[in-house]
Amino acid sequence: MFCKKNGGLIAVIVGVFIAISVAQRTHAETFEGIDIKVEGKGAAMLFIPGLNSSSDVFTDTCAAFKSQYRCYRLQLPGFAGQPAISIGDQGFLITMRNTIEHYIRTQKLGRVVLVGHSLGGLLSLMIAIDQPDMVSRIVILDSLPFLSAVQNPNLTAETAKPMAAQMRDAMNNQSLELYTQQAMTNIQGMSNNPTRIPTIASWGKSSDRTTTTMAMYELMTTDLRESIATIKTPTLVLGTWAAYKNFGATKESTQTIFSLQYAALKGVDICLSETGYHFVMWDDGEWVNQQMREFLHQK
């Protein structure tokens, strides 16, 4: 475990210097419904955002690494204004996994670094399980192999289905007013910076409801806790706990949850931010960047 404290002034200066010195034009493309913004130089680093999120959530993170990596910021179809696509019987997550793998293969990106937030973290694990030779490193930002089992480790994907289906159906049948109001309530604790909440809200409002509820259902009923045992790729997990202090959570209790969920993944590094909420790349950005640099420089 190599978790470090914030680098303070030096880290800030380095970050600013990098951002200024490697400023480059960004070009965008669309691949099978996924919007992809590309900038930087070097080995490929793919950023996969979470439910309803724009690829802009990774703008600052990409800026910190684009002098050494070619950043590919993905925006999944149906989220944050990106047009929805028809999803077949395989479902949203499998379709996205296959599409991202197809992009890596057709663009001949070689072995890539995957950086996934929330739902994007789950997708990163799915890709590493399905195509281990495609991935050189994995960075998971506040994501678990089985979200529904946070409070009940004995829960299975099958037993989680009724509750997940009930939530999906209720959200699909809500009036637009109630759906929007509930979404606003749910995002209030996702960032420790109140000025970020309107951005998250706007992404939710411009997301396709059917895609959102489908993805949410699959997120709640996908259990990778055993499957991750096959992953041999070095993996860094950066989690959060500060948003749940008022609900009785402690750093120690949250560390236990992460450790149990990732128990089958040998050699995984798990570090928890002291201050960041769910959007940890915003809330504790310098810390995230520092952890990533240390991890990526490991041999």
Protein backbone atom coordinates (compact mmCIF):
# COMPACT_ATOMS: atom_id res chain seq x y z
CA MET A 1 0.00 0.00 0.00
CA PHE A 2 1.47 3.31 -1.05
CA CYS A 3 -1.25 5.84 -0.21
CA LYS A 4 0.29 9.30 0.17
CA LYS A 5 -0.89 12.52 1.73
CA ASN A 6 -1.47 15.58 -0.43
CA GLY A 7 1.69 16.95 -1.99
CA GLY A 8 0.79 20.52 -1.07
CA LEU A 9 2.31 23.47 -2.90
CA ILE A 10 4.76 21.40 -4.94
CA ALA A 11 1.96 19.24 -6.35
CA VAL A 12 -0.08 22.31 -7.25
CA ILE A 13 2.87 23.94 -9.01
CA VAL A 14 3.65 20.74 -10.92
CA GLY A 15 -0.01 20.38 -11.91
CA VAL A 16 -0.23 23.94 -13.18
CA PHE A 17 3.05 23.63 -15.06
CA ILE A 18 1.91 20.46 -16.78
CA ALA A 19 -1.49 21.93 -17.67
CA ILE A 20 0.13 24.99 -19.27
CA SER A 21 3.08 23.34 -20.97
CA VAL A 22 1.21 20.50 -22.68
CA ALA A 23 -1.95 22.35 -23.70
CA GLN A 24 -3.01 20.84 -27.00
CA ARG A 25 -6.00 20.78 -29.25
CA THR A 26 -8.62 18.19 -28.49
CA HIS A 27 -10.25 16.27 -31.28
CA ALA A 28 -13.54 14.41 -30.91
CA GLU A 29 -14.97 11.40 -32.64
CA THR A 30 -17.95 9.11 -32.30
CA PHE A 31 -17.61 5.35 -32.26
CA GLU A 32 -20.73 3.16 -32.20
CA GLY A 33 -22.62 5.73 -30.14
CA ILE A 34 -19.79 6.64 -27.75
CA ASP A 35 -18.42 10.19 -27.97
CA ILE A 36 -14.64 10.19 -27.56
CA LYS A 37 -12.44 13.22 -26.95
CA VAL A 38 -8.74 12.64 -27.57
CA GLU A 39 -5.73 14.70 -26.50
CA GLY A 40 -2.19 14.25 -25.26
CA LYS A 41 0.62 11.94 -26.32
CA GLY A 42 2.00 8.61 -25.24
CA ALA A 43 0.39 5.33 -24.23
CA ALA A 44 -3.40 5.22 -24.30
CA MET A 45 -5.34 6.09 -21.14
CA LEU A 46 -9.11 5.58 -21.41
CA PHE A 47 -11.42 7.45 -19.04
CA ILE A 48 -14.89 5.94 -18.51
CA PRO A 49 -17.35 8.13 -16.55
CA GLY A 50 -20.22 6.99 -14.39
CA LEU A 51 -24.00 6.93 -14.65
CA ASN A 52 -25.36 10.04 -16.43
CA SER A 53 -21.94 11.69 -16.43
CA SER A 54 -20.25 13.66 -19.17
CA SER A 55 -16.69 12.99 -20.26
CA ASP A 56 -15.99 16.49 -18.91
CA VAL A 57 -15.85 14.96 -15.44
CA PHE A 58 -12.31 13.86 -16.37
CA THR A 59 -11.11 17.11 -17.96
CA ASP A 60 -8.85 18.07 -15.04
CA THR A 61 -7.57 14.52 -14.52
CA CYS A 62 -6.68 14.22 -18.18
CA ALA A 63 -4.87 17.57 -18.02
CA ALA A 64 -2.62 16.18 -15.30
CA PHE A 65 -1.56 13.17 -17.41
CA LYS A 66 -1.72 14.20 -21.07
CA SER A 67 1.98 15.04 -21.21
CA GLN A 68 2.73 11.35 -20.75
CA TYR A 69 -0.44 9.64 -21.93
CA ARG A 70 -2.82 10.02 -24.84
CA CYS A 71 -6.12 10.58 -23.09
CA TYR A 72 -9.36 9.18 -24.47
CA ARG A 73 -12.34 10.62 -22.59
CA LEU A 74 -15.40 8.53 -23.31
CA GLN A 75 -19.03 9.62 -22.98
CA LEU A 76 -21.48 6.75 -23.05
CA PRO A 77 -24.64 6.90 -25.18
CA GLY A 78 -27.76 8.19 -23.44
CA PHE A 79 -25.81 10.08 -20.80
CA ALA A 80 -25.44 13.87 -20.41
CA GLY A 81 -26.86 14.75 -23.82
CA GLN A 82 -25.12 12.04 -25.81
CA PRO A 83 -27.83 10.44 -28.01
CA ALA A 84 -29.13 7.08 -26.82
CA ILE A 85 -28.69 4.00 -28.97
CA SER A 86 -30.72 0.83 -29.32
CA ILE A 87 -29.55 -1.77 -26.80
CA GLY A 88 -30.08 -5.42 -27.63
CA ASP A 89 -30.71 -8.42 -25.41
CA GLN A 90 -27.17 -8.31 -24.01
CA GLY A 91 -28.00 -5.19 -22.04
CA PHE A 92 -26.27 -1.86 -21.54
CA LEU A 93 -23.13 -2.89 -19.65
CA ILE A 94 -22.20 -5.81 -21.91
CA THR A 95 -22.88 -3.68 -24.99
CA MET A 96 -20.64 -0.90 -23.67
CA ARG A 97 -17.93 -3.39 -22.69
CA ASN A 98 -17.94 -4.92 -26.17
CA THR A 99 -17.97 -1.51 -27.87
CA ILE A 100 -15.03 -0.18 -25.86
CA GLU A 101 -13.08 -3.38 -26.55
CA HIS A 102 -13.90 -3.02 -30.25
CA TYR A 103 -12.63 0.56 -30.22
CA ILE A 104 -9.36 -0.42 -28.53
CA ARG A 105 -8.88 -3.19 -31.06
CA THR A 106 -9.77 -1.27 -34.23
CA GLN A 107 -7.73 1.79 -33.21
CA LYS A 108 -4.77 -0.46 -32.37
CA LEU A 109 -4.25 1.26 -29.03
CA GLY A 110 -2.24 -1.57 -27.57
CA ARG A 111 -2.48 -2.26 -23.85
CA VAL A 112 -4.37 0.63 -22.29
CA VAL A 113 -4.70 2.18 -18.85
CA LEU A 114 -8.36 2.19 -17.81
CA VAL A 115 -9.62 4.89 -15.44
CA GLY A 116 -13.25 4.33 -14.46
CA HIS A 117 -15.52 6.25 -12.12
CA SER A 118 -18.57 4.58 -10.53
CA LEU A 119 -20.35 2.68 -13.33
CA GLY A 120 -17.22 3.30 -15.40
CA GLY A 121 -15.22 1.50 -12.73
CA LEU A 122 -17.45 -1.56 -13.05
CA LEU A 123 -17.01 -1.45 -16.83
CA SER A 124 -13.25 -1.27 -16.38
CA LEU A 125 -13.32 -4.44 -14.30
CA MET A 126 -15.54 -6.13 -16.89
CA ILE A 127 -13.10 -5.30 -19.67
CA ALA A 128 -10.12 -6.57 -17.65
CA ILE A 129 -11.97 -9.82 -16.93
CA ASP A 130 -13.04 -10.32 -20.55
CA GLN A 131 -9.88 -9.13 -22.33
CA PRO A 132 -6.95 -9.18 -19.88
CA ASP A 133 -4.34 -8.65 -22.61
CA MET A 134 -5.92 -5.29 -23.52
CA VAL A 135 -5.28 -3.64 -20.15
CA SER A 136 -1.97 -2.63 -18.58
CA ARG A 137 -3.30 -0.87 -15.45
CA ILE A 138 -6.69 -0.18 -13.87
CA VAL A 139 -7.66 2.83 -11.74
CA ILE A 140 -11.08 2.54 -10.09
CA LEU A 141 -12.66 5.69 -8.65
CA ASP A 142 -15.30 5.06 -5.98
CA SER A 143 -16.75 1.89 -7.45
CA LEU A 144 -17.39 -1.60 -6.11
CA PRO A 145 -17.69 -5.03 -7.76
CA PHE A 146 -21.26 -5.37 -6.42
CA LEU A 147 -22.93 -2.14 -5.38
CA SER A 148 -26.07 -3.72 -3.93
CA ALA A 149 -24.10 -5.71 -1.34
CA VAL A 150 -22.72 -2.66 0.49
CA GLN A 151 -24.97 -3.21 3.52
CA ASN A 152 -25.55 -6.94 3.10
CA PRO A 153 -22.49 -8.92 1.91
CA ASN A 154 -24.65 -12.05 1.62
CA LEU A 155 -26.80 -10.51 -1.10
CA THR A 156 -26.53 -12.10 -4.54
CA ALA A 157 -27.25 -10.75 -8.00
CA GLU A 158 -30.36 -12.91 -8.14
CA THR A 159 -31.77 -11.74 -4.81
CA ALA A 160 -31.03 -8.13 -5.75
CA LYS A 161 -33.14 -8.29 -8.92
CA PRO A 162 -36.62 -7.72 -7.40
CA MET A 163 -35.58 -4.52 -5.61
CA ALA A 164 -33.63 -3.29 -8.64
CA ALA A 165 -36.56 -4.02 -10.96
CA GLN A 166 -38.95 -2.21 -8.63
CA MET A 167 -36.73 0.87 -8.62
CA ARG A 168 -36.30 0.78 -12.40
CA ASP A 169 -40.03 0.45 -13.06
CA ALA A 170 -40.95 3.14 -10.55
CA MET A 171 -38.50 5.59 -12.11
CA ASN A 172 -39.75 4.83 -15.61
CA ASN A 173 -43.35 5.46 -14.56
CA GLN A 174 -42.77 8.69 -12.63
CA SER A 175 -43.92 12.03 -13.96
CA LEU A 176 -41.12 14.20 -15.33
CA GLU A 177 -41.55 16.56 -12.39
CA LEU A 178 -41.24 13.80 -9.77
CA TYR A 179 -38.39 12.09 -11.65
CA THR A 180 -36.44 15.37 -11.79
CA GLN A 181 -37.18 16.21 -8.15
CA GLN A 182 -36.00 12.79 -6.95
CA ALA A 183 -32.87 13.02 -9.08
CA MET A 184 -32.02 16.39 -7.52
CA THR A 185 -32.42 14.90 -4.04
CA ASN A 186 -30.15 11.97 -4.87
CA ILE A 187 -27.25 14.09 -6.14
CA GLN A 188 -26.99 16.50 -3.21
CA GLY A 189 -24.30 14.48 -1.43
CA MET A 190 -22.23 13.55 -4.47
CA SER A 191 -19.73 16.41 -4.28
CA ASN A 192 -18.32 18.39 -1.36
CA ASN A 193 -18.36 21.47 -3.60
CA PRO A 194 -21.92 22.86 -3.88
CA THR A 195 -21.04 24.71 -7.09
CA ARG A 196 -20.62 21.33 -8.81
CA ILE A 197 -24.18 20.19 -8.08
CA PRO A 198 -25.85 22.21 -10.89
CA THR A 199 -23.47 20.59 -13.40
CA ILE A 200 -24.31 17.10 -12.17
CA ALA A 201 -28.01 18.04 -12.26
CA SER A 202 -27.78 19.29 -15.84
CA TRP A 203 -26.14 16.04 -16.91
CA GLY A 204 -28.96 14.08 -15.32
CA LYS A 205 -31.64 16.21 -16.96
CA SER A 206 -30.09 15.73 -20.40
CA SER A 207 -29.71 11.96 -19.97
CA ASP A 208 -32.13 9.50 -21.56
CA ARG A 209 -34.37 8.11 -18.82
CA THR A 210 -34.68 4.62 -20.35
CA THR A 211 -30.91 4.31 -20.66
CA THR A 212 -30.42 5.61 -17.12
CA THR A 213 -32.84 3.16 -15.52
CA MET A 214 -31.54 0.25 -17.59
CA ALA A 215 -27.96 1.00 -16.60
CA MET A 216 -28.95 1.50 -12.96
CA TYR A 217 -30.72 -1.86 -12.88
CA GLU A 218 -27.70 -3.63 -14.34
CA LEU A 219 -25.35 -1.79 -11.98
CA MET A 220 -27.40 -3.10 -9.05
CA THR A 221 -27.58 -6.68 -10.34
CA THR A 222 -24.02 -7.24 -11.57
CA ASP A 223 -21.81 -9.08 -9.09
CA LEU A 224 -18.11 -9.28 -10.00
CA ARG A 225 -16.82 -10.15 -6.53
CA GLU A 226 -15.74 -13.64 -7.60
CA SER A 227 -14.97 -12.88 -11.25
CA ILE A 228 -12.27 -10.33 -10.36
CA ALA A 229 -10.12 -13.20 -9.10
CA THR A 230 -9.10 -13.76 -12.72
CA ILE A 231 -7.72 -10.22 -13.09
CA LYS A 232 -3.92 -10.15 -13.06
CA THR A 233 -3.68 -6.47 -14.06
CA PRO A 234 -2.29 -4.10 -11.39
CA THR A 235 -5.29 -2.29 -9.93
CA LEU A 236 -5.67 0.85 -7.81
CA VAL A 237 -8.98 1.56 -6.08
CA LEU A 238 -9.59 5.07 -4.73
CA GLY A 239 -12.69 5.21 -2.57
CA THR A 240 -14.58 7.74 -0.46
CA TRP A 241 -16.37 7.79 2.87
CA ALA A 242 -16.65 11.44 4.04
CA ALA A 243 -20.10 11.95 2.50
CA TYR A 244 -21.55 9.28 4.78
CA LYS A 245 -20.22 10.51 8.13
CA ASN A 246 -23.67 11.68 9.20
CA PHE A 247 -25.00 8.19 8.55
CA GLY A 248 -22.49 6.58 10.90
CA ALA A 249 -19.81 5.67 8.39
CA THR A 250 -16.16 5.84 9.41
CA LYS A 251 -13.02 5.51 7.38
CA GLU A 252 -12.38 2.15 9.03
CA SER A 253 -15.86 0.76 8.35
CA THR A 254 -15.71 1.91 4.73
CA GLN A 255 -12.24 0.43 4.30
CA THR A 256 -13.69 -2.89 5.50
CA ILE A 257 -16.46 -2.72 2.88
CA PHE A 258 -13.97 -2.07 0.07
CA SER A 259 -11.60 -4.76 1.33
CA LEU A 260 -14.38 -7.37 1.49
CA GLN A 261 -15.67 -6.52 -1.97
CA TYR A 262 -12.21 -6.65 -3.55
CA ALA A 263 -10.98 -9.61 -1.49
CA ALA A 264 -10.64 -11.89 -4.52
CA LEU A 265 -8.48 -9.41 -6.46
CA LYS A 266 -4.93 -10.21 -5.42
CA GLY A 267 -2.52 -7.33 -4.99
CA VAL A 268 -5.14 -4.60 -5.29
CA ASP A 269 -4.25 -1.25 -3.67
CA ILE A 270 -7.20 0.39 -1.89
CA CYS A 271 -6.93 3.96 -0.63
CA LEU A 272 -9.65 6.21 0.77
CA SER A 273 -9.80 9.98 0.35
CA GLU A 274 -10.07 11.93 3.59
CA THR A 275 -12.35 14.63 2.18
CA GLY A 276 -13.70 13.60 -1.23
CA TYR A 277 -17.30 12.66 -1.91
CA HIS A 278 -18.42 10.41 -4.79
CA PHE A 279 -16.99 12.73 -7.47
CA VAL A 280 -13.58 12.33 -5.88
CA MET A 281 -11.67 13.45 -8.98
CA TRP A 282 -13.24 16.89 -8.41
CA ASP A 283 -13.37 16.95 -4.62
CA ASP A 284 -9.84 15.72 -3.93
CA GLY A 285 -8.25 16.05 -7.35
CA GLU A 286 -4.63 16.57 -6.34
CA TRP A 287 -4.78 13.54 -4.08
CA VAL A 288 -6.28 11.42 -6.87
CA ASN A 289 -3.61 12.57 -9.31
CA GLN A 290 -0.84 11.87 -6.84
CA GLN A 291 -2.11 8.34 -6.12
CA MET A 292 -2.34 7.68 -9.84
CA ARG A 293 1.18 8.95 -10.54
CA GLU A 294 2.66 6.75 -7.81
CA PHE A 295 0.71 3.74 -9.07
CA LEU A 296 1.51 4.25 -12.74
CA HIS A 297 5.23 4.64 -12.01
CA GLN A 298 5.39 1.30 -10.21
CA LYS A 299 7.15 -1.49 -12.08
